[in-house]
N, C-alpha and C. Protein backbone atom coordinates (compact mmCIF):
# COMPACT_ATOMS: atom_id res chain seq x y z
N MET A 1 -79.43 27.59 -127.54
CA MET A 1 -78.11 28.16 -127.64
C MET A 1 -77.35 27.90 -126.34
N ALA A 2 -76.16 27.40 -126.44
CA ALA A 2 -75.33 27.19 -125.26
C ALA A 2 -74.67 28.51 -124.89
N HIS A 3 -74.63 28.79 -123.62
CA HIS A 3 -74.00 30.01 -123.11
C HIS A 3 -72.57 29.69 -122.68
N PRO A 4 -71.69 30.69 -122.72
CA PRO A 4 -70.33 30.46 -122.22
C PRO A 4 -70.36 30.22 -120.72
N LEU A 5 -69.33 29.60 -120.20
CA LEU A 5 -69.21 29.38 -118.77
C LEU A 5 -68.54 30.59 -118.12
N ALA A 6 -68.97 30.92 -116.92
CA ALA A 6 -68.28 31.95 -116.13
C ALA A 6 -67.33 31.21 -115.19
N LYS A 7 -66.04 31.50 -115.31
CA LYS A 7 -65.05 30.80 -114.49
C LYS A 7 -64.34 31.77 -113.56
N PHE A 8 -64.19 31.34 -112.33
CA PHE A 8 -63.51 32.12 -111.31
C PHE A 8 -62.36 31.27 -110.79
N GLU A 9 -61.15 31.78 -110.94
CA GLU A 9 -59.98 31.01 -110.50
C GLU A 9 -59.28 31.77 -109.37
N ASN A 10 -58.77 31.01 -108.42
CA ASN A 10 -58.06 31.58 -107.30
C ASN A 10 -57.12 30.52 -106.77
N VAL A 11 -56.23 30.92 -105.90
CA VAL A 11 -55.32 29.93 -105.32
C VAL A 11 -56.10 28.96 -104.44
N ASP A 12 -57.17 29.43 -103.89
CA ASP A 12 -57.96 28.66 -102.94
C ASP A 12 -59.38 28.47 -103.45
N ARG A 13 -59.90 27.25 -103.34
CA ARG A 13 -61.26 26.94 -103.81
C ARG A 13 -62.30 27.82 -103.12
N GLU A 14 -62.16 28.00 -101.81
CA GLU A 14 -63.14 28.79 -101.06
C GLU A 14 -63.18 30.24 -101.54
N ASP A 15 -62.03 30.81 -101.85
CA ASP A 15 -62.01 32.18 -102.36
C ASP A 15 -62.66 32.27 -103.74
N ALA A 16 -62.42 31.28 -104.58
CA ALA A 16 -63.04 31.25 -105.91
C ALA A 16 -64.55 31.12 -105.78
N MET A 17 -65.02 30.26 -104.88
CA MET A 17 -66.47 30.08 -104.69
C MET A 17 -67.09 31.37 -104.14
N ARG A 18 -66.40 32.01 -103.21
CA ARG A 18 -66.91 33.26 -102.63
C ARG A 18 -67.01 34.34 -103.70
N GLU A 19 -66.00 34.43 -104.57
CA GLU A 19 -66.02 35.42 -105.66
C GLU A 19 -67.19 35.14 -106.62
N ALA A 20 -67.41 33.87 -106.94
CA ALA A 20 -68.51 33.50 -107.84
C ALA A 20 -69.86 33.82 -107.19
N LEU A 21 -70.01 33.48 -105.91
CA LEU A 21 -71.27 33.78 -105.20
C LEU A 21 -71.54 35.27 -105.17
N ASN A 22 -70.52 36.07 -104.87
CA ASN A 22 -70.68 37.52 -104.84
C ASN A 22 -71.11 38.06 -106.21
N ALA A 23 -70.48 37.57 -107.27
CA ALA A 23 -70.83 38.01 -108.62
C ALA A 23 -72.28 37.65 -108.96
N LEU A 24 -72.68 36.43 -108.59
CA LEU A 24 -74.06 36.01 -108.85
C LEU A 24 -75.06 36.88 -108.09
N GLU A 25 -74.79 37.12 -106.81
CA GLU A 25 -75.70 37.93 -106.00
C GLU A 25 -75.81 39.35 -106.55
N LEU A 26 -74.68 39.94 -106.94
CA LEU A 26 -74.71 41.29 -107.52
C LEU A 26 -75.51 41.34 -108.81
N ALA A 27 -75.53 40.24 -109.54
CA ALA A 27 -76.26 40.17 -110.81
C ALA A 27 -77.74 39.82 -110.61
N GLY A 28 -78.16 39.55 -109.37
CA GLY A 28 -79.57 39.26 -109.10
C GLY A 28 -79.92 37.79 -109.03
N PHE A 29 -78.92 36.92 -108.95
CA PHE A 29 -79.16 35.48 -108.84
C PHE A 29 -79.13 35.05 -107.38
N VAL A 30 -79.79 33.94 -107.10
CA VAL A 30 -79.70 33.30 -105.79
C VAL A 30 -79.18 31.89 -106.01
N VAL A 31 -78.48 31.39 -105.02
CA VAL A 31 -77.80 30.10 -105.15
C VAL A 31 -78.22 29.18 -104.01
N GLY A 32 -78.47 27.92 -104.35
CA GLY A 32 -78.82 26.93 -103.35
C GLY A 32 -77.62 26.54 -102.51
N PRO A 33 -77.86 25.80 -101.44
CA PRO A 33 -76.79 25.41 -100.53
C PRO A 33 -75.84 24.38 -101.16
N GLU A 34 -74.65 24.28 -100.58
CA GLU A 34 -73.68 23.28 -101.03
C GLU A 34 -74.19 21.89 -100.69
N ALA A 35 -73.88 20.95 -101.55
CA ALA A 35 -74.20 19.54 -101.32
C ALA A 35 -72.99 18.73 -101.76
N ALA A 36 -72.72 17.68 -101.03
CA ALA A 36 -71.55 16.85 -101.35
C ALA A 36 -71.66 16.26 -102.75
N HIS A 37 -70.60 16.43 -103.54
CA HIS A 37 -70.49 15.82 -104.87
C HIS A 37 -71.65 16.19 -105.79
N ALA A 38 -72.10 17.45 -105.69
CA ALA A 38 -73.21 17.89 -106.53
C ALA A 38 -73.07 19.39 -106.78
N PRO A 39 -73.61 19.89 -107.89
CA PRO A 39 -73.57 21.33 -108.15
C PRO A 39 -74.55 22.06 -107.23
N ARG A 40 -74.45 23.36 -107.23
CA ARG A 40 -75.41 24.21 -106.51
C ARG A 40 -76.36 24.79 -107.54
N GLY A 41 -77.65 24.78 -107.23
CA GLY A 41 -78.64 25.33 -108.14
C GLY A 41 -78.60 26.85 -108.16
N VAL A 42 -78.84 27.44 -109.33
CA VAL A 42 -78.83 28.89 -109.51
C VAL A 42 -80.15 29.32 -110.13
N MET A 43 -80.77 30.34 -109.53
CA MET A 43 -82.01 30.91 -110.03
C MET A 43 -81.86 32.43 -110.11
N PHE A 44 -82.53 33.04 -111.06
CA PHE A 44 -82.49 34.50 -111.19
C PHE A 44 -83.72 35.10 -110.53
N GLY A 45 -83.49 36.10 -109.64
CA GLY A 45 -84.57 36.88 -109.05
C GLY A 45 -85.65 36.07 -108.37
N SER A 46 -85.28 35.04 -107.71
CA SER A 46 -86.24 34.11 -107.13
C SER A 46 -85.73 33.69 -105.77
N SER A 47 -86.51 32.89 -105.07
CA SER A 47 -86.02 32.39 -103.79
C SER A 47 -85.00 31.29 -104.05
N ALA A 48 -84.09 31.11 -103.12
CA ALA A 48 -83.00 30.15 -103.29
C ALA A 48 -83.53 28.73 -103.43
N PRO A 49 -82.99 27.97 -104.38
CA PRO A 49 -83.40 26.57 -104.52
C PRO A 49 -82.88 25.74 -103.35
N ARG A 50 -83.52 24.62 -103.12
CA ARG A 50 -83.06 23.70 -102.08
C ARG A 50 -81.77 23.05 -102.54
N GLY A 51 -81.19 22.25 -101.66
CA GLY A 51 -79.99 21.51 -102.01
C GLY A 51 -80.23 20.57 -103.17
N TRP A 52 -79.20 20.34 -103.97
CA TRP A 52 -79.30 19.55 -105.19
C TRP A 52 -79.98 18.21 -104.96
N HIS A 53 -79.58 17.51 -103.91
CA HIS A 53 -80.10 16.16 -103.67
C HIS A 53 -81.56 16.19 -103.18
N GLN A 54 -82.04 17.35 -102.80
CA GLN A 54 -83.43 17.48 -102.36
C GLN A 54 -84.37 17.83 -103.51
N LEU A 55 -83.82 18.08 -104.67
CA LEU A 55 -84.62 18.44 -105.85
C LEU A 55 -84.90 17.21 -106.70
N SER A 56 -86.11 17.14 -107.23
CA SER A 56 -86.41 16.07 -108.19
C SER A 56 -85.67 16.39 -109.49
N ARG A 57 -85.57 15.44 -110.38
CA ARG A 57 -84.91 15.67 -111.67
C ARG A 57 -85.61 16.81 -112.42
N SER A 58 -86.92 16.86 -112.35
CA SER A 58 -87.69 17.92 -113.00
C SER A 58 -87.33 19.29 -112.41
N GLN A 59 -87.21 19.37 -111.08
CA GLN A 59 -86.84 20.62 -110.43
C GLN A 59 -85.41 21.03 -110.78
N GLN A 60 -84.51 20.07 -110.90
CA GLN A 60 -83.15 20.38 -111.31
C GLN A 60 -83.13 20.99 -112.71
N LEU A 61 -83.96 20.45 -113.59
CA LEU A 61 -84.02 20.96 -114.96
C LEU A 61 -84.67 22.34 -115.02
N ASP A 62 -85.51 22.68 -114.05
CA ASP A 62 -86.17 23.98 -114.01
C ASP A 62 -85.25 25.10 -113.51
N LEU A 63 -84.12 24.74 -112.93
CA LEU A 63 -83.18 25.76 -112.47
C LEU A 63 -82.68 26.57 -113.67
N HIS A 64 -82.26 27.80 -113.40
CA HIS A 64 -81.72 28.63 -114.47
C HIS A 64 -80.25 28.33 -114.75
N GLY A 65 -79.58 27.70 -113.79
CA GLY A 65 -78.17 27.37 -113.99
C GLY A 65 -77.63 26.54 -112.84
N GLN A 66 -76.33 26.31 -112.89
CA GLN A 66 -75.64 25.52 -111.88
C GLN A 66 -74.29 26.15 -111.59
N MET A 67 -73.81 25.91 -110.39
CA MET A 67 -72.47 26.36 -110.01
C MET A 67 -71.77 25.20 -109.32
N TRP A 68 -70.49 25.01 -109.64
CA TRP A 68 -69.72 23.97 -108.96
C TRP A 68 -68.29 24.46 -108.80
N GLY A 69 -67.58 23.82 -107.89
CA GLY A 69 -66.21 24.21 -107.62
C GLY A 69 -65.25 23.06 -107.81
N GLY A 70 -64.01 23.41 -108.04
CA GLY A 70 -62.94 22.43 -108.16
C GLY A 70 -61.83 22.79 -107.20
N GLU A 71 -60.67 22.28 -107.46
CA GLU A 71 -59.54 22.48 -106.55
C GLU A 71 -59.23 23.96 -106.31
N ASN A 72 -59.20 24.76 -107.35
CA ASN A 72 -58.89 26.18 -107.20
C ASN A 72 -59.78 27.05 -108.09
N HIS A 73 -60.98 26.59 -108.36
CA HIS A 73 -61.86 27.36 -109.25
C HIS A 73 -63.33 27.14 -108.90
N ALA A 74 -64.15 28.02 -109.43
CA ALA A 74 -65.60 27.88 -109.39
C ALA A 74 -66.10 28.17 -110.80
N THR A 75 -67.12 27.44 -111.23
CA THR A 75 -67.66 27.60 -112.57
C THR A 75 -69.17 27.76 -112.48
N ILE A 76 -69.70 28.68 -113.28
CA ILE A 76 -71.15 28.90 -113.35
C ILE A 76 -71.60 28.61 -114.78
N MET A 77 -72.65 27.82 -114.89
CA MET A 77 -73.22 27.50 -116.19
C MET A 77 -74.68 27.95 -116.20
N LEU A 78 -75.05 28.75 -117.18
CA LEU A 78 -76.44 29.14 -117.36
C LEU A 78 -77.08 28.14 -118.32
N HIS A 79 -78.24 27.64 -117.98
CA HIS A 79 -78.92 26.68 -118.85
C HIS A 79 -79.40 27.36 -120.13
N ALA A 80 -79.40 26.62 -121.20
CA ALA A 80 -79.77 27.15 -122.51
C ALA A 80 -81.20 27.70 -122.54
N ASP A 81 -82.08 27.12 -121.71
CA ASP A 81 -83.48 27.57 -121.71
C ASP A 81 -83.79 28.58 -120.60
N ALA A 82 -82.77 29.20 -120.04
CA ALA A 82 -82.99 30.20 -119.00
C ALA A 82 -83.79 31.37 -119.58
N PRO A 83 -84.63 32.00 -118.76
CA PRO A 83 -85.43 33.13 -119.26
C PRO A 83 -84.55 34.30 -119.72
N ALA A 84 -85.12 35.14 -120.54
CA ALA A 84 -84.38 36.25 -121.13
C ALA A 84 -83.76 37.17 -120.08
N ASP A 85 -84.49 37.48 -118.99
CA ASP A 85 -83.93 38.37 -117.97
C ASP A 85 -82.73 37.73 -117.27
N ALA A 86 -82.76 36.42 -117.08
CA ALA A 86 -81.62 35.70 -116.49
C ALA A 86 -80.44 35.72 -117.45
N THR A 87 -80.71 35.54 -118.72
CA THR A 87 -79.65 35.54 -119.73
C THR A 87 -78.97 36.91 -119.80
N LYS A 88 -79.76 37.98 -119.80
CA LYS A 88 -79.19 39.33 -119.82
C LYS A 88 -78.32 39.57 -118.60
N ALA A 89 -78.81 39.18 -117.43
CA ALA A 89 -78.05 39.36 -116.19
C ALA A 89 -76.76 38.54 -116.21
N PHE A 90 -76.82 37.34 -116.76
CA PHE A 90 -75.64 36.48 -116.83
C PHE A 90 -74.58 37.09 -117.75
N TYR A 91 -74.99 37.64 -118.87
CA TYR A 91 -74.02 38.26 -119.78
C TYR A 91 -73.44 39.54 -119.20
N ARG A 92 -74.20 40.25 -118.38
CA ARG A 92 -73.64 41.41 -117.66
C ARG A 92 -72.61 40.92 -116.64
N LEU A 93 -72.91 39.80 -115.97
CA LEU A 93 -71.96 39.20 -115.03
C LEU A 93 -70.67 38.83 -115.76
N LEU A 94 -70.78 38.18 -116.93
CA LEU A 94 -69.60 37.81 -117.71
C LEU A 94 -68.78 39.03 -118.09
N ALA A 95 -69.44 40.09 -118.55
CA ALA A 95 -68.74 41.31 -118.95
C ALA A 95 -68.02 41.93 -117.77
N SER A 96 -68.64 41.90 -116.60
CA SER A 96 -68.02 42.44 -115.40
C SER A 96 -66.78 41.65 -115.01
N VAL A 97 -66.89 40.34 -115.06
CA VAL A 97 -65.75 39.47 -114.73
C VAL A 97 -64.61 39.70 -115.72
N GLU A 98 -64.95 39.78 -117.00
CA GLU A 98 -63.93 39.98 -118.03
C GLU A 98 -63.26 41.34 -117.90
N SER A 99 -64.02 42.37 -117.55
CA SER A 99 -63.43 43.70 -117.43
C SER A 99 -62.48 43.75 -116.23
N ARG A 100 -62.78 43.03 -115.14
CA ARG A 100 -61.88 42.98 -113.99
C ARG A 100 -60.58 42.25 -114.34
N ARG A 101 -60.65 41.35 -115.28
CA ARG A 101 -59.46 40.61 -115.70
C ARG A 101 -58.72 41.32 -116.83
N GLY A 102 -59.30 42.43 -117.33
CA GLY A 102 -58.67 43.17 -118.42
C GLY A 102 -58.94 42.55 -119.78
N ILE A 103 -60.04 41.80 -119.90
CA ILE A 103 -60.41 41.17 -121.17
C ILE A 103 -61.56 41.96 -121.77
N ALA A 104 -61.48 42.28 -123.03
CA ALA A 104 -62.57 43.00 -123.70
C ALA A 104 -63.77 42.09 -123.86
N ALA A 105 -64.93 42.54 -123.44
CA ALA A 105 -66.15 41.72 -123.53
C ALA A 105 -66.68 41.70 -124.94
């Protein structure tokens, strides 16, 4: 099952990334370091993954999700095969983001 994307928009890319990182940390996720032209790895309740380019393809696939930024936004994608506890935490994160925007979850 594909999960919806969590999107954070702001006037500034750095503010959007900071908001996304804060939401992930509050939900119990850890995020790998930034890497040029690559997403950041996301894991639930685990130690932070290494930088994207330092991970083998197999390790990249083992991540629970990915986060990347654009000009004025940050996006979080949970992988379809993420464990149940990660999925529950991600949907709580989505509901929290939607409630702050005034959207019914």
